[in-house]
C-alpha atoms as a PDB file:
ATOM      1  CA  MET A   1     -18.180 -26.781 -13.425  1.00  0.00           C
ATOM      2  CA  ALA A   2     -16.004 -29.235 -11.122  1.00  0.00           C
ATOM      3  CA  LYS A   3     -17.149 -30.664  -7.951  1.00  0.00           C
ATOM      4  CA  ILE A   4     -17.839 -28.152  -5.286  1.00  0.00           C
ATOM      5  CA  ARG A   5     -15.453 -28.310  -2.246  1.00  0.00           C
ATOM      6  CA  ASP A   6     -16.424 -28.366   1.296  1.00  0.00           C
ATOM      7  CA  VAL A   7     -14.738 -25.571   3.220  1.00  0.00           C
ATOM      8  CA  MET A   8     -14.885 -24.786   6.959  1.00  0.00           C
ATOM      9  CA  GLY A   9     -16.547 -21.471   7.816  1.00  0.00           C
ATOM     10  CA  SER A  10     -14.405 -18.296   7.962  1.00  0.00           C
ATOM     11  CA  SER A  11     -12.846 -17.125  11.177  1.00  0.00           C
ATOM     12  CA  HIS A  12     -14.278 -13.662  10.213  1.00  0.00           C
ATOM     13  CA  PRO A  13     -18.071 -13.722  10.813  1.00  0.00           C
ATOM     14  CA  HIS A  14     -18.847 -11.190   8.140  1.00  0.00           C
ATOM     15  CA  GLN A  15     -16.581 -12.663   5.464  1.00  0.00           C
ATOM     16  CA  PRO A  16     -16.825 -15.627   3.044  1.00  0.00           C
ATOM     17  CA  PRO A  17     -15.130 -18.927   3.800  1.00  0.00           C
ATOM     18  CA  TRP A  18     -12.391 -18.488   1.342  1.00  0.00           C
ATOM     19  CA  ALA A  19     -11.071 -15.299   3.283  1.00  0.00           C
ATOM     20  CA  ASP A  20      -9.043 -17.626   5.307  1.00  0.00           C
ATOM     21  CA  LEU A  21      -7.639 -19.431   2.426  1.00  0.00           C
ATOM     22  CA  ILE A  22      -5.930 -16.506   0.540  1.00  0.00           C
ATOM     23  CA  PRO A  23      -2.426 -17.729  -0.425  1.00  0.00           C
ATOM     24  CA  GLY A  24       0.453 -15.674   0.919  1.00  0.00           C
ATOM     25  CA  PRO A  25       3.020 -13.897  -1.136  1.00  0.00           C
ATOM     26  CA  ARG A  26       5.299 -16.937  -1.364  1.00  0.00           C
ATOM     27  CA  ASP A  27       2.640 -19.511  -1.649  1.00  0.00           C
ATOM     28  CA  PRO A  28       2.072 -21.009  -5.182  1.00  0.00           C
ATOM     29  CA  LEU A  29      -0.856 -20.013  -7.228  1.00  0.00           C
ATOM     30  CA  PRO A  30      -2.698 -22.044  -9.941  1.00  0.00           C
ATOM     31  CA  ARG A  31      -0.541 -22.662 -13.111  1.00  0.00           C
ATOM     32  CA  GLN A  32      -2.580 -20.365 -15.300  1.00  0.00           C
ATOM     33  CA  VAL A  33      -2.214 -17.444 -12.844  1.00  0.00           C
ATOM     34  CA  GLU A  34       1.577 -18.114 -12.542  1.00  0.00           C
ATOM     35  CA  GLU A  35       1.806 -17.996 -16.365  1.00  0.00           C
ATOM     36  CA  TYR A  36      -0.116 -14.743 -16.506  1.00  0.00           C
ATOM     37  CA  LEU A  37       2.187 -13.163 -13.935  1.00  0.00           C
ATOM     38  CA  GLU A  38       5.261 -14.451 -15.726  1.00  0.00           C
ATOM     39  CA  TRP A  39       3.898 -12.840 -18.884  1.00  0.00           C
ATOM     40  CA  LEU A  40       3.483  -9.531 -16.972  1.00  0.00           C
ATOM     41  CA  THR A  41       7.082  -9.777 -15.906  1.00  0.00           C
ATOM     42  CA  VAL A  42       8.801 -10.948 -19.029  1.00  0.00           C
ATOM     43  CA  VAL A  43       6.691  -9.697 -21.961  1.00  0.00           C
ATOM     44  CA  ARG A  44       5.146  -6.681 -20.545  1.00  0.00           C
ATOM     45  CA  ASN A  45       8.140  -5.746 -18.526  1.00  0.00           C
ATOM     46  CA  ARG A  46       5.902  -4.632 -15.485  1.00  0.00           C
ATOM     47  CA  PRO A  47       7.898  -3.589 -12.377  1.00  0.00           C
ATOM     48  CA  GLN A  48       8.080  -6.151  -9.637  1.00  0.00           C
ATOM     49  CA  THR A  49       5.932  -3.935  -7.369  1.00  0.00           C
ATOM     50  CA  THR A  50       3.114  -4.156  -9.851  1.00  0.00           C
ATOM     51  CA  VAL A  51       3.630  -7.853 -10.343  1.00  0.00           C
ATOM     52  CA  ARG A  52       3.449  -8.488  -6.564  1.00  0.00           C
ATOM     53  CA  THR A  53       0.302  -6.254  -6.250  1.00  0.00           C
ATOM     54  CA  TYR A  54      -1.420  -8.340  -9.054  1.00  0.00           C
ATOM     55  CA  ARG A  55      -0.294 -11.549  -7.380  1.00  0.00           C
ATOM     56  CA  GLN A  56      -2.052 -10.449  -4.105  1.00  0.00           C
ATOM     57  CA  ASP A  57      -5.106  -9.509  -5.921  1.00  0.00           C
ATOM     58  CA  LEU A  58      -5.362 -12.775  -7.960  1.00  0.00           C
ATOM     59  CA  ALA A  59      -4.570 -14.737  -4.813  1.00  0.00           C
ATOM     60  CA  LYS A  60      -7.942 -13.745  -3.580  1.00  0.00           C
ATOM     61  CA  PHE A  61      -9.599 -14.960  -6.848  1.00  0.00           C
ATOM     62  CA  ALA A  62      -7.651 -18.194  -6.411  1.00  0.00           C
ATOM     63  CA  ALA A  63      -8.954 -18.600  -2.851  1.00  0.00           C
ATOM     64  CA  PHE A  64     -12.476 -18.082  -4.081  1.00  0.00           C
ATOM     65  CA  LEU A  65     -11.965 -20.712  -6.857  1.00  0.00           C
ATOM     66  CA  SER A  66     -10.620 -23.248  -4.118  1.00  0.00           C
ATOM     67  CA  THR A  67     -14.254 -23.217  -2.692  1.00  0.00           C
ATOM     68  CA  GLN A  68     -15.698 -23.754  -6.027  1.00  0.00           C
ATOM     69  CA  VAL A  69     -13.422 -26.066  -7.999  1.00  0.00           C
ATOM     70  CA  ASP A  70     -10.339 -28.191  -7.388  1.00  0.00           C
ATOM     71  CA  ILE A  71      -7.567 -25.643  -8.159  1.00  0.00           C
ATOM     72  CA  ARG A  72      -5.106 -28.561  -8.544  1.00  0.00           C
ATOM     73  CA  SER A  73      -6.730 -29.186 -11.890  1.00  0.00           C
ATOM     74  CA  PRO A  74      -4.710 -27.937 -14.860  1.00  0.00           C
ATOM     75  CA  ASP A  75      -7.691 -25.838 -16.081  1.00  0.00           C
ATOM     76  CA  ILE A  76      -9.145 -23.826 -13.235  1.00  0.00           C
ATOM     77  CA  LEU A  77     -11.200 -21.771 -15.654  1.00  0.00           C
ATOM     78  CA  GLU A  78     -13.313 -24.692 -16.892  1.00  0.00           C
ATOM     79  CA  GLY A  79     -17.016 -23.794 -16.238  1.00  0.00           C
ATOM     80  CA  LEU A  80     -16.345 -20.189 -15.405  1.00  0.00           C
ATOM     81  CA  ASP A  81     -19.272 -18.070 -16.379  1.00  0.00           C
ATOM     82  CA  ARG A  82     -21.026 -14.888 -15.516  1.00  0.00           C
ATOM     83  CA  THR A  83     -22.928 -16.220 -12.553  1.00  0.00           C
ATOM     84  CA  VAL A  84     -19.717 -17.446 -10.853  1.00  0.00           C
ATOM     85  CA  LEU A  85     -17.940 -14.166 -11.607  1.00  0.00           C
ATOM     86  CA  ARG A  86     -20.814 -12.223 -10.227  1.00  0.00           C
ATOM     87  CA  HIS A  87     -20.789 -14.339  -7.018  1.00  0.00           C
ATOM     88  CA  TYR A  88     -17.067 -13.560  -6.675  1.00  0.00           C
ATOM     89  CA  GLN A  89     -17.596  -9.923  -7.081  1.00  0.00           C
ATOM     90  CA  VAL A  90     -20.350  -9.825  -4.381  1.00  0.00           C
ATOM     91  CA  GLU A  91     -18.224 -11.857  -1.913  1.00  0.00           C
ATOM     92  CA  LEU A  92     -15.174  -9.692  -2.624  1.00  0.00           C
ATOM     93  CA  ALA A  93     -17.033  -6.672  -1.351  1.00  0.00           C
ATOM     94  CA  ASP A  94     -17.089  -8.340   2.051  1.00  0.00           C
ATOM     95  CA  VAL A  95     -13.299  -8.844   1.946  1.00  0.00           C
ATOM     96  CA  LEU A  96     -12.441  -5.514   0.368  1.00  0.00           C
ATOM     97  CA  PRO A  97     -15.224  -3.197   1.528  1.00  0.00           C
ATOM     98  CA  HIS A  98     -13.461  -0.047   0.203  1.00  0.00           C
ATOM     99  CA  PRO A  99     -14.516   0.423  -3.459  1.00  0.00           C
ATOM    100  CA  ARG A 100     -11.160   1.835  -4.502  1.00  0.00           C
ATOM    101  CA  THR A 101      -9.231  -1.194  -3.129  1.00  0.00           C
ATOM    102  CA  ARG A 102     -11.944  -3.550  -4.658  1.00  0.00           C
ATOM    103  CA  ALA A 103     -11.529  -1.758  -8.056  1.00  0.00           C
ATOM    104  CA  ARG A 104      -7.821  -2.322  -7.995  1.00  0.00           C
ATOM    105  CA  ALA A 105      -8.442  -6.153  -7.329  1.00  0.00           C
ATOM    106  CA  LEU A 106     -11.060  -6.330 -10.012  1.00  0.00           C
ATOM    107  CA  VAL A 107      -8.775  -4.593 -12.574  1.00  0.00           C
ATOM    108  CA  ALA A 108      -6.175  -7.362 -11.958  1.00  0.00           C
ATOM    109  CA  LEU A 109      -8.735 -10.023 -12.568  1.00  0.00           C
ATOM    110  CA  ARG A 110     -10.004  -8.427 -15.743  1.00  0.00           C
ATOM    111  CA  SER A 111      -6.624  -8.273 -17.152  1.00  0.00           C
ATOM    112  CA  PHE A 112      -6.117 -11.780 -16.248  1.00  0.00           C
ATOM    113  CA  LEU A 113      -9.325 -13.035 -17.844  1.00  0.00           C
ATOM    114  CA  ARG A 114      -8.427 -11.001 -21.043  1.00  0.00           C
ATOM    115  CA  PHE A 115      -5.000 -12.803 -21.130  1.00  0.00           C
ATOM    116  CA  SER A 116      -6.872 -16.162 -20.668  1.00  0.00           C
ATOM    117  CA  CYS A 117      -9.134 -15.499 -23.737  1.00  0.00           C
ATOM    118  CA  ASP A 118      -6.040 -14.582 -25.872  1.00  0.00           C
ATOM    119  CA  GLU A 119      -4.337 -17.722 -24.686  1.00  0.00           C
ATOM    120  CA  GLY A 120      -7.407 -19.876 -25.602  1.00  0.00           C
ATOM    121  CA  TRP A 121      -8.177 -20.938 -22.049  1.00  0.00           C
ATOM    122  CA  THR A 122     -11.610 -19.667 -22.238  1.00  0.00           C
ATOM    123  CA  ASP A 123     -14.127 -19.642 -25.212  1.00  0.00           C
ATOM    124  CA  LYS A 124     -14.972 -16.086 -24.877  1.00  0.00           C
ATOM    125  CA  ASP A 125     -13.658 -12.859 -23.313  1.00  0.00           C
ATOM    126  CA  LEU A 126     -14.956 -13.037 -19.673  1.00  0.00           C
ATOM    127  CA  SER A 127     -13.328  -9.774 -18.709  1.00  0.00           C
ATOM    128  CA  ARG A 128     -16.376  -7.927 -20.040  1.00  0.00           C
ATOM    129  CA  MET A 129     -18.262  -9.542 -17.201  1.00  0.00           C
ATOM    130  CA  ILE A 130     -16.157  -7.838 -14.576  1.00  0.00           C
ATOM    131  CA  THR A 131     -17.713  -4.551 -13.286  1.00  0.00           C
ATOM    132  CA  ILE A 132     -15.316  -2.060 -11.865  1.00  0.00           C
ATOM    133  CA  PRO A 133     -17.043  -0.207  -8.899  1.00  0.00           C
ATOM    134  CA  ARG A 134     -17.109   3.516  -9.045  1.00  0.00           C
ATOM    135  CA  PHE A 135     -15.665   5.583  -6.248  1.00  0.00           C
ATOM    136  CA  VAL A 136     -15.231   9.186  -5.324  1.00  0.00           C
ATOM    137  CA  MET A 137     -11.680  10.519  -4.775  1.00  0.00           C
ATOM    138  CA  THR A 138     -12.029  11.866  -1.115  1.00  0.00           C
ATOM    139  CA  ASP A 139      -9.844  14.448   0.432  1.00  0.00           C
ATOM    140  CA  VAL A 140      -6.747  13.262   2.092  1.00  0.00           C
ATOM    141  CA  HIS A 141      -6.535  13.224   5.825  1.00  0.00           C
ATOM    142  CA  PRO A 142      -2.894  13.469   6.796  1.00  0.00           C
ATOM    143  CA  VAL A 143      -1.466  13.500  10.323  1.00  0.00           C
ATOM    144  CA  GLN A 144      -1.485  17.084  11.521  1.00  0.00           C
ATOM    145  CA  THR A 145       1.897  18.737  11.020  1.00  0.00           C
ATOM    146  CA  GLU A 146       2.257  19.658  14.774  1.00  0.00           C
ATOM    147  CA  ASP A 147       1.515  15.856  15.655  1.00  0.00           C
ATOM    148  CA  VAL A 148       4.224  14.325  13.577  1.00  0.00           C
ATOM    149  CA  PRO A 149       7.040  14.935  16.143  1.00  0.00           C
ATOM    150  CA  LYS A 150       4.831  13.796  18.922  1.00  0.00           C
ATOM    151  CA  LEU A 151       3.941  10.688  16.866  1.00  0.00           C
ATOM    152  CA  LEU A 152       7.595   9.727  16.291  1.00  0.00           C
ATOM    153  CA  ALA A 153       8.280  10.359  19.947  1.00  0.00           C
ATOM    154  CA  VAL A 154       5.727   8.025  21.309  1.00  0.00           C
ATOM    155  CA  LEU A 155       6.795   5.054  19.184  1.00  0.00           C
ATOM    156  CA  PRO A 156       8.258   2.198  21.293  1.00  0.00           C
ATOM    157  CA  THR A 157      11.718   0.825  20.835  1.00  0.00           C
ATOM    158  CA  GLY A 158      11.597  -2.262  23.110  1.00  0.00           C
ATOM    159  CA  ASN A 159      12.143  -5.005  20.701  1.00  0.00           C
ATOM    160  CA  LEU A 160      12.788  -5.698  16.982  1.00  0.00           C
ATOM    161  CA  ARG A 161       9.138  -5.436  16.114  1.00  0.00           C
ATOM    162  CA  ASP A 162       8.998  -1.968  17.746  1.00  0.00           C
ATOM    163  CA  LEU A 163      12.135  -0.826  16.024  1.00  0.00           C
ATOM    164  CA  ARG A 164      10.935  -2.098  12.563  1.00  0.00           C
ATOM    165  CA  ASP A 165       7.556  -0.218  13.029  1.00  0.00           C
ATOM    166  CA  ARG A 166       9.277   2.920  14.163  1.00  0.00           C
ATOM    167  CA  ALA A 167      11.858   2.770  11.264  1.00  0.00           C
ATOM    168  CA  LEU A 168       8.993   2.086   8.716  1.00  0.00           C
ATOM    169  CA  ILE A 169       6.967   5.071   9.812  1.00  0.00           C
ATOM    170  CA  ALA A 170       9.915   7.401  10.033  1.00  0.00           C
ATOM    171  CA  PHE A 171      10.974   6.221   6.559  1.00  0.00           C
ATOM    172  CA  LEU A 172       7.555   6.881   5.003  1.00  0.00           C
ATOM    173  CA  LEU A 173       7.212  10.199   6.640  1.00  0.00           C
ATOM    174  CA  SER A 174      10.600  11.302   5.429  1.00  0.00           C
ATOM    175  CA  THR A 175      10.583  10.089   1.847  1.00  0.00           C
ATOM    176  CA  GLY A 176       6.888  10.022   0.939  1.00  0.00           C
ATOM    177  CA  CYS A 177       7.349   6.550  -0.557  1.00  0.00           C
ATOM    178  CA  ARG A 178       4.353   4.374  -1.224  1.00  0.00           C
ATOM    179  CA  ILE A 179       4.340   1.272   0.978  1.00  0.00           C
ATOM    180  CA  ALA A 180       4.867  -0.959  -2.036  1.00  0.00           C
ATOM    181  CA  GLU A 181       8.041   1.027  -2.881  1.00  0.00           C
ATOM    182  CA  ALA A 182       9.296   0.761   0.696  1.00  0.00           C
ATOM    183  CA  CYS A 183       8.683  -2.980   0.979  1.00  0.00           C
ATOM    184  CA  SER A 184      10.515  -3.606  -2.387  1.00  0.00           C
ATOM    185  CA  LEU A 185      13.804  -1.992  -1.169  1.00  0.00           C
ATOM    186  CA  ASP A 186      16.698  -4.188  -0.400  1.00  0.00           C
ATOM    187  CA  ARG A 187      19.254  -3.185   2.377  1.00  0.00           C
ATOM    188  CA  ALA A 188      21.802  -2.687  -0.478  1.00  0.00           C
ATOM    189  CA  ASP A 189      19.589   0.036  -1.948  1.00  0.00           C
ATOM    190  CA  PHE A 190      19.554   2.084   1.311  1.00  0.00           C
ATOM    191  CA  ARG A 191      22.189   4.682   1.550  1.00  0.00           C
ATOM    192  CA  LEU A 192      23.019   7.662   3.792  1.00  0.00           C
ATOM    193  CA  SER A 193      22.777   9.977   0.856  1.00  0.00           C
ATOM    194  CA  GLN A 194      20.159   9.744  -1.936  1.00  0.00           C
ATOM    195  CA  PHE A 195      18.987   6.353  -3.228  1.00  0.00           C
ATOM    196  CA  ARG A 196      16.481   5.235  -5.889  1.00  0.00           C
ATOM    197  CA  VAL A 197      13.129   3.701  -5.570  1.00  0.00           C
ATOM    198  CA  LEU A 198      11.107   1.992  -8.327  1.00  0.00           C
ATOM    199  CA  GLY A 199       7.657   3.544  -8.611  1.00  0.00           C
ATOM    200  CA  LYS A 200       4.540   3.177 -10.732  1.00  0.00           C
ATOM    201  CA  GLY A 201       5.068   2.622 -14.432  1.00  0.00           C
ATOM    202  CA  GLY A 202       8.484   1.310 -13.856  1.00  0.00           C
ATOM    203  CA  LYS A 203       9.971   4.611 -13.319  1.00  0.00           C
ATOM    204  CA  TYR A 204      12.913   5.208 -10.844  1.00  0.00           C
ATOM    205  CA  ARG A 205      13.227   8.375  -8.763  1.00  0.00           C
ATOM    206  CA  SER A 206      15.692   9.554  -6.142  1.00  0.00           C
ATOM    207  CA  VAL A 207      14.555  10.010  -2.544  1.00  0.00           C
ATOM    208  CA  TYR A 208      16.219  11.244   0.530  1.00  0.00           C
ATOM    209  CA  CYS A 209      15.836  10.562   4.260  1.00  0.00           C
ATOM    210  CA  THR A 210      15.848  13.138   7.119  1.00  0.00           C
ATOM    211  CA  VAL A 211      18.538  12.666   9.850  1.00  0.00           C
ATOM    212  CA  GLY A 212      15.908  11.309  12.160  1.00  0.00           C
ATOM    213  CA  ALA A 213      14.646   8.649   9.714  1.00  0.00           C
ATOM    214  CA  LEU A 214      18.119   7.612   8.883  1.00  0.00           C
ATOM    215  CA  ALA A 215      18.822   7.120  12.745  1.00  0.00           C
ATOM    216  CA  ALA A 216      15.580   5.056  13.132  1.00  0.00           C
ATOM    217  CA  VAL A 217      16.388   2.825  10.257  1.00  0.00           C
ATOM    218  CA  GLN A 218      19.979   2.278  11.491  1.00  0.00           C
ATOM    219  CA  ASP A 219      18.718   1.475  14.920  1.00  0.00           C
ATOM    220  CA  TYR A 220      16.421  -1.217  13.426  1.00  0.00           C
ATOM    221  CA  LEU A 221      19.079  -2.686  11.203  1.00  0.00           C
ATOM    222  CA  GLN A 222      21.630  -2.794  14.103  1.00  0.00           C
ATOM    223  CA  ALA A 223      19.127  -4.715  16.176  1.00  0.00           C
ATOM    224  CA  ARG A 224      18.281  -6.983  13.345  1.00  0.00           C
ATOM    225  CA  GLY A 225      21.824  -7.889  12.721  1.00  0.00           C
ATOM    226  CA  PRO A 226      23.123  -9.850   9.748  1.00  0.00           C
ATOM    227  CA  ASP A 227      20.768 -12.363   8.152  1.00  0.00           C
ATOM    228  CA  PRO A 228      20.113 -13.988   4.767  1.00  0.00           C
ATOM    229  CA  SER A 229      17.216 -11.819   3.775  1.00  0.00           C
ATOM    230  CA  PRO A 230      18.148  -8.903   1.351  1.00  0.00           C
ATOM    231  CA  ALA A 231      15.000  -6.951   2.157  1.00  0.00           C
ATOM    232  CA  LEU A 232      15.180  -3.684   3.941  1.00  0.00           C
ATOM    233  CA  PHE A 233      11.971  -4.242   5.901  1.00  0.00           C
ATOM    234  CA  ILE A 234      11.180  -7.813   6.994  1.00  0.00           C
ATOM    235  CA  SER A 235       8.290  -9.593   8.658  1.00  0.00           C
ATOM    236  CA  VAL A 236       8.979 -10.438  12.318  1.00  0.00           C
ATOM    237  CA  ALA A 237       6.225 -13.032  12.448  1.00  0.00           C
ATOM    238  CA  ARG A 238       7.410 -16.276  14.068  1.00  0.00           C
ATOM    239  CA  LYS A 239       7.003 -18.271  10.814  1.00  0.00           C
ATOM    240  CA  ASP A 240       9.231 -15.941   8.902  1.00  0.00           C
ATOM    241  CA  MET A 241      11.937 -16.024  11.527  1.00  0.00           C
ATOM    242  CA  TYR A 242      14.406 -18.807  12.569  1.00  0.00           C
ATOM    243  CA  ARG A 243      16.018 -18.520  15.907  1.00  0.00           C
ATOM    244  CA  GLY A 244      15.470 -14.746  15.782  1.00  0.00           C
ATOM    245  CA  LYS A 245      16.846 -14.261  12.469  1.00  0.00           C
ATOM    246  CA  ALA A 246      15.012 -13.576   9.156  1.00  0.00           C
ATOM    247  CA  ARG A 247      14.692 -16.457   6.721  1.00  0.00           C
ATOM    248  CA  PRO A 248      16.212 -15.967   3.164  1.00  0.00           C
ATOM    249  CA  GLY A 249      12.897 -14.901   1.439  1.00  0.00           C
ATOM    250  CA  ASN A 250      11.568 -12.918   4.338  1.00  0.00           C
ATOM    251  CA  ARG A 251      10.193  -9.594   3.088  1.00  0.00           C
ATOM    252  CA  LEU A 252       7.499  -7.479   4.627  1.00  0.00           C
ATOM    253  CA  SER A 253       4.404  -7.339   2.317  1.00  0.00           C
ATOM    254  CA  THR A 254       2.184  -4.434   1.911  1.00  0.00           C
ATOM    255  CA  ASP A 255      -0.607  -6.377   3.677  1.00  0.00           C
ATOM    256  CA  GLY A 256       1.799  -7.210   6.345  1.00  0.00           C
ATOM    257  CA  ALA A 257       2.573  -3.592   6.939  1.00  0.00           C
ATOM    258  CA  ARG A 258      -1.104  -2.724   7.173  1.00  0.00           C
ATOM    259  CA  ARG A 259      -1.465  -5.466   9.769  1.00  0.00           C
ATOM    260  CA  ALA A 260       1.629  -4.073  11.580  1.00  0.00           C
ATOM    261  CA  PHE A 261       0.041  -0.738  11.862  1.00  0.00           C
ATOM    262  CA  THR A 262      -3.175  -2.204  13.224  1.00  0.00           C
ATOM    263  CA  ALA A 263      -1.081  -4.288  15.842  1.00  0.00           C
ATOM    264  CA  LEU A 264       0.879  -1.189  16.816  1.00  0.00           C
ATOM    265  CA  ARG A 265      -2.343   0.715  17.678  1.00  0.00           C
ATOM    266  CA  GLU A 266      -3.513  -2.293  19.724  1.00  0.00           C
ATOM    267  CA  ARG A 267      -0.287  -2.468  21.589  1.00  0.00           C
ATOM    268  CA  LEU A 268      -0.452   1.229  22.525  1.00  0.00           C
ATOM    269  CA  SER A 269      -4.148   1.338  23.195  1.00  0.00           C
ATOM    270  CA  GLY A 270      -3.529   1.603  26.935  1.00  0.00           C
ATOM    271  CA  ASP A 271      -1.832   5.036  26.363  1.00  0.00           C
ATOM    272  CA  PRO A 272      -4.587   7.699  25.450  1.00  0.00           C
ATOM    273  CA  GLU A 273      -2.117  10.089  23.952  1.00  0.00           C
ATOM    274  CA  ALA A 274      -0.362   7.462  21.864  1.00  0.00           C
ATOM    275  CA  PHE A 275      -3.528   5.931  20.642  1.00  0.00           C
ATOM    276  CA  ARG A 276      -4.805   9.257  19.718  1.00  0.00           C
ATOM    277  CA  LEU A 277      -1.745  10.015  17.516  1.00  0.00           C
ATOM    278  CA  LEU A 278      -1.767   6.412  16.030  1.00  0.00           C
ATOM    279  CA  SER A 279      -5.516   6.448  15.323  1.00  0.00           C
ATOM    280  CA  ALA A 280      -4.830   8.553  12.220  1.00  0.00           C
ATOM    281  CA  LEU A 281      -2.609   5.827  10.885  1.00  0.00           C
ATOM    282  CA  HIS A 282      -5.499   3.653   9.476  1.00  0.00           C
ATOM    283  CA  SER A 283      -3.140   2.762   6.539  1.00  0.00           C
ATOM    284  CA  PRO A 284       0.427   3.360   5.520  1.00  0.00           C
ATOM    285  CA  HIS A 285      -0.730   5.559   2.746  1.00  0.00           C
ATOM    286  CA  VAL A 286      -1.585   8.314   5.274  1.00  0.00           C
ATOM    287  CA  LEU A 287       2.147   8.748   5.966  1.00  0.00           C
ATOM    288  CA  ARG A 288       2.513   9.546   2.142  1.00  0.00           C
ATOM    289  CA  HIS A 289      -0.114  12.131   2.455  1.00  0.00           C
ATOM    290  CA  THR A 290       1.450  13.481   5.605  1.00  0.00           C
ATOM    291  CA  ALA A 291       4.851  13.703   3.947  1.00  0.00           C
ATOM    292  CA  ALA A 292       3.276  15.739   1.011  1.00  0.00           C
ATOM    293  CA  THR A 293       1.460  18.264   3.276  1.00  0.00           C
ATOM    294  CA  THR A 294       4.404  18.776   5.587  1.00  0.00           C
ATOM    295  CA  LEU A 295       6.737  19.124   2.614  1.00  0.00           C
ATOM    296  CA  LEU A 296       4.384  21.674   0.957  1.00  0.00           C
ATOM    297  CA  GLU A 297       4.394  23.702   4.284  1.00  0.00           C
ATOM    298  CA  ALA A 298       8.180  23.420   4.629  1.00  0.00           C
ATOM    299  CA  THR A 299       8.877  24.685   0.974  1.00  0.00           C
ATOM    300  CA  ASP A 300       6.169  27.412   1.104  1.00  0.00           C
ATOM    301  CA  GLY A 301       3.938  25.469  -1.347  1.00  0.00           C
ATOM    302  CA  ASP A 302       6.499  24.316  -3.919  1.00  0.00           C
ATOM    303  CA  VAL A 303       4.179  22.024  -5.727  1.00  0.00           C
ATOM    304  CA  ARG A 304       6.642  21.103  -8.458  1.00  0.00           C
ATOM    305  CA  LEU A 305       9.187  19.944  -5.921  1.00  0.00           C
ATOM    306  CA  VAL A 306       6.627  17.892  -3.974  1.00  0.00           C
ATOM    307  CA  GLN A 307       5.494  16.243  -7.251  1.00  0.00           C
ATOM    308  CA  GLU A 308       9.024  15.123  -8.014  1.00  0.00           C
ATOM    309  CA  VAL A 309       9.500  13.822  -4.526  1.00  0.00           C
ATOM    310  CA  LEU A 310       6.363  11.809  -4.567  1.00  0.00           C
ATOM    311  CA  GLY A 311       6.807  10.662  -8.117  1.00  0.00           C
ATOM    312  CA  HIS A 312       3.517  11.830  -9.371  1.00  0.00           C
ATOM    313  CA  ALA A 313       3.238  11.842 -13.174  1.00  0.00           C
ATOM    314  CA  THR A 314       1.301  15.086 -13.421  1.00  0.00           C
ATOM    315  CA  LEU A 315       0.658  18.173 -11.204  1.00  0.00           C
ATOM    316  CA  SER A 316      -3.159  17.489 -11.305  1.00  0.00           C
ATOM    317  CA  THR A 317      -2.725  14.723  -8.799  1.00  0.00           C
ATOM    318  CA  MET A 318      -1.478  17.300  -6.320  1.00  0.00           C
ATOM    319  CA  THR A 319      -4.895  18.797  -6.175  1.00  0.00           C
ATOM    320  CA  THR A 320      -5.899  15.966  -3.871  1.00  0.00           C
ATOM    321  CA  TYR A 321      -3.935  17.562  -1.076  1.00  0.00           C
ATOM    322  CA  THR A 322      -6.695  20.214  -0.347  1.00  0.00           C
ATOM    323  CA  GLU A 323      -5.836  20.786   3.289  1.00  0.00           C
ATOM    324  CA  ILE A 324      -2.552  22.659   2.642  1.00  0.00           C
ATOM    325  CA  THR A 325      -4.060  24.192  -0.522  1.00  0.00           C
ATOM    326  CA  ASP A 326      -7.047  25.582   1.392  1.00  0.00           C
ATOM    327  CA  ARG A 327      -4.825  26.781   4.261  1.00  0.00           C
ATOM    328  CA  ARG A 328      -2.762  28.730   1.684  1.00  0.00           C
ATOM    329  CA  LYS A 329      -5.904  30.143   0.047  1.00  0.00           C
ATOM    330  CA  ARG A 330      -7.088  31.454   3.438  1.00  0.00           C
ATOM    331  CA  GLU A 331      -3.762  32.919   4.139  1.00  0.00           C
ATOM    332  CA  ALA A 332      -3.620  34.591   0.611  1.00  0.00           C
ATOM    333  CA  TYR A 333      -7.152  36.115   1.278  1.00  0.00           C
ATOM    334  CA  ARG A 334      -6.054  37.362   4.713  1.00  0.00           C
ATOM    335  CA  ARG A 335      -3.100  39.143   3.137  1.00  0.00           C
ATOM    336  CA  LEU A 336      -5.443  40.447   0.443  1.00  0.00           C
ATOM    337  CA  GLY A 337      -7.734  41.805   3.081  1.00  0.00           C
ATOM    338  CA  ASP A 338      -4.835  43.429   4.944  1.00  0.00           C
ATOM    339  CA  TYR A 339      -3.624  44.970   1.712  1.00  0.00           C
ATOM    340  CA  LEU A 340      -6.816  46.501   0.760  1.00  0.00           C
ATOM    341  CA  ARG A 341      -7.356  47.887   4.262  1.00  0.00           C
ATOM    342  CA  ASP A 342      -3.820  49.550   4.106  1.00  0.00           C
ATOM    343  CA  VAL A 343      -4.601  50.924   0.730  1.00  0.00           C
ATOM    344  CA  GLY A 344      -7.859  52.465   1.952  1.00  0.00           C
ATOM    345  CA  ALA A 345      -6.177  53.820   4.993  1.00  0.00           C
ATOM    346  CA  ARG A 346      -3.611  55.629   2.753  1.00  0.00           C
ATOM    347  CA  VAL A 347      -6.408  57.106   0.576  1.00  0.00           C
ATOM    348  CA  ASP A 348      -8.232  58.290   3.590  1.00  0.00           C
ATOM    349  CA  GLY A 349      -5.176  59.897   4.939  1.00  0.00           C
END
């Protein structure tokens, strides 16, 4: 193993030092990681959303390695063994405490290590030393349907950041898109009628926006004005802007969207009602669940239609939306009880 590097302590007291060293979406990664991502893109023909997700996950592994070896070395895998990989998995749990999110990151690492073995970069297949954590698929917790109009009403519109957040929330609520799908869209993709998004498995599907969501996105784009970034949703962080305009490569990342939701809750923490409504948005994916449940209600439980809107491969995935399903079951049993009571009354009469 190469010489251990000295690293300052993390600014997060309960996270390892490398948590502050994770490369951003446009920062270079070690050569071997970049070759793997290029292989995913060119040979495997994986969609850009998948490649970006794998890049974010492997960036964490690169940050960890930066505290272990000199990542400028042409072979960052030299000396990598079970002990080092186990150490990474333990520390990753502090950075990604949710087992489902951590499982995704470790799946990316396992695939990279398998590729490394095939390329002859490692003497043996180290992917077998990666343990994917088990997790239980929990019930979804969407925003209550009656709270959706209230949530949209309390969102501020004072500056570009506010308008971007409002447009993103309205867009996700309207289309049911995954946050990665929304972040990958360009302005040229967005139309007043239907438009297509690239989902999981490299499959395109058509989505639509409500009138309110269209207005929110148009307000945001008008305030943003022309700039060299093709992305529909951009980062408004100072480093990504130049004189109030987005830089050419500026694109909101999925991690950036999650941080934006956290910052929005903090900005509105002084308003009890607004904070209550926003407290349910612990991640952008909540809006996808909310879109599913509200659309199920609006269509009187048309599961097939909602499956097409969300881009689920199978109907079995829809069983996670238990709240609306249980509500429909209770209503069905109530009608059954009324029916039996009416039948009994007719017999008695």
